Protein backbone atom coordinates (compact mmCIF):
# COMPACT_ATOMS: atom_id res chain seq x y z
CA UNK A 1 79.37 38.09 132.48
CA UNK A 2 77.73 38.96 135.98
CA UNK A 3 75.27 36.84 137.38
CA UNK A 4 72.90 39.82 137.28
CA UNK A 5 72.65 39.87 133.38
CA UNK A 6 70.75 35.99 133.75
CA UNK A 7 68.83 36.76 136.99
CA UNK A 8 67.17 40.07 135.50
CA UNK A 9 67.95 41.95 138.80
CA UNK A 10 69.69 44.24 136.81
CA UNK A 11 67.88 46.61 134.29
CA UNK A 12 71.35 47.67 132.91
CA UNK A 13 72.20 44.24 132.35
CA UNK A 14 71.10 44.80 128.76
CA UNK A 15 72.91 47.84 128.40
CA UNK A 16 76.21 45.97 129.25
CA UNK A 17 75.54 43.63 126.61
CA UNK A 18 75.20 46.72 123.75
CA UNK A 19 71.10 47.70 124.50
CA UNK A 20 68.00 45.46 123.77
CA UNK A 21 68.25 42.82 120.99
CA UNK A 22 66.50 43.44 117.66
CA UNK A 23 62.87 42.99 117.54
CA UNK A 24 62.33 40.29 114.38
CA UNK A 25 60.17 41.87 111.67
CA UNK A 26 56.62 41.15 111.56
CA UNK A 27 55.18 38.29 109.28
CA UNK A 28 54.07 39.76 106.11
CA UNK A 29 50.46 40.14 105.78
CA UNK A 30 47.82 38.55 103.46
CA UNK A 31 46.73 40.32 100.47
CA UNK A 32 43.19 41.04 100.53
CA UNK A 33 42.40 38.60 97.93
CA UNK A 34 44.31 36.08 99.68
CA UNK A 35 42.51 37.08 103.19
CA UNK A 36 38.98 36.44 101.26
CA UNK A 37 40.01 33.71 99.85
CA UNK A 38 41.03 31.67 103.04
CA UNK A 39 38.05 33.26 105.02
CA UNK A 40 35.50 31.77 102.64
CA UNK A 41 38.05 28.51 102.58
CA UNK A 42 37.74 28.59 106.10
CA UNK A 43 33.61 28.66 106.04
CA UNK A 44 33.96 25.86 103.40
CA UNK A 45 36.04 23.74 105.85
CA UNK A 46 33.52 24.47 108.81
CA UNK A 47 30.65 22.84 106.57
CA UNK A 48 32.80 19.73 105.62
CA UNK A 49 31.65 16.13 107.17
CA UNK A 50 34.86 14.95 109.69
CA UNK A 51 34.67 11.88 111.81
CA UNK A 52 33.01 12.76 115.44
CA UNK A 53 35.78 14.23 117.92
CA UNK A 54 38.51 14.04 114.83
CA UNK A 55 41.17 16.47 115.35
CA UNK A 56 40.43 18.41 112.16
CA UNK A 57 37.07 19.08 113.49
CA UNK A 58 38.67 20.53 117.10
CA UNK A 59 40.88 22.57 114.93
CA UNK A 60 38.75 23.88 112.48
CA UNK A 61 36.27 24.86 115.65
CA UNK A 62 39.14 26.65 116.84
CA UNK A 63 39.91 28.62 114.06
CA UNK A 64 35.76 29.69 113.64
CA UNK A 65 35.53 33.69 113.53
CA UNK A 66 39.21 34.29 113.59
CA UNK A 67 40.53 36.61 110.93
CA UNK A 68 42.96 35.07 108.31
CA UNK A 69 45.57 37.41 109.23
CA UNK A 70 45.57 35.93 112.79
CA UNK A 71 46.66 32.92 111.62
CA UNK A 72 50.41 31.56 112.19
CA UNK A 73 52.17 30.27 109.02
CA UNK A 74 51.50 26.57 110.81
CA UNK A 75 48.10 26.97 111.16
CA UNK A 76 47.76 28.38 107.27
CA UNK A 77 49.73 25.23 106.21
CA UNK A 78 47.08 23.19 108.29
CA UNK A 79 44.39 24.74 106.45
CA UNK A 80 46.05 23.55 103.23
CA UNK A 81 46.42 20.14 104.25
CA UNK A 82 43.01 19.90 105.17
CA UNK A 83 41.54 21.44 101.97
CA UNK A 84 43.34 18.86 100.22
CA UNK A 85 42.09 16.04 102.49
CA UNK A 86 38.41 17.26 102.16
CA UNK A 87 38.91 18.96 98.42
CA UNK A 88 35.75 16.63 97.52
CA UNK A 89 33.65 18.44 99.78
CA UNK A 90 34.30 22.06 98.91
CA UNK A 91 33.60 23.75 95.69
CA UNK A 92 36.11 23.23 93.18
CA UNK A 93 36.99 27.40 92.83
CA UNK A 94 38.18 26.99 96.51
CA UNK A 95 39.91 23.52 96.23
CA UNK A 96 43.81 23.67 96.29
CA UNK A 97 45.57 22.93 92.77
CA UNK A 98 47.99 20.49 94.21
CA UNK A 99 48.73 18.81 97.06
CA UNK A 100 50.64 20.92 99.59
CA UNK A 101 52.65 18.04 101.23
CA UNK A 102 53.56 17.00 97.80
CA UNK A 103 54.82 20.54 96.86
CA UNK A 104 56.92 20.67 99.90
CA UNK A 105 58.53 17.80 99.18
CA UNK A 106 59.24 18.36 95.81
CA UNK A 107 60.85 21.79 96.77
CA UNK A 108 63.05 20.07 99.07
CA UNK A 109 63.86 17.14 96.87
CA UNK A 110 64.39 19.22 93.96
CA UNK A 111 66.90 21.92 94.98
C-alpha cells in the first residue's frame, strides 16, 4: 500500500481500500422503565454515606445530572456494583437482587 494511506495525506486513500469503514451500531438504549429506575438509583446513591475522598464519592459526583442513557455500559456496571456495596443504605425497591460480580462470575464459569 502507499504511504498516503497511513499519513492521511490523500482523501482517495479510503477509496483505494474500498471506502469508509462501516460505522458500528449504537449501543441499545434503555427502556423508559430502566432509565427511570437507574435515575432513581443514582439519586439514592448520591445520598449514601461514603468515606471522605473515596473514589466512589468522586464517581457518583461526576454522574450527577447525567441522563441514564448517556452512561456507558462500564459506568452502568459500576453503578450496579456501588448499589450492591451500599445496598443497606438505599430503599429495598432500588436494591439489586444479587451481587453483580458474583453473577458475572457465574455466567462465565457456568458456560
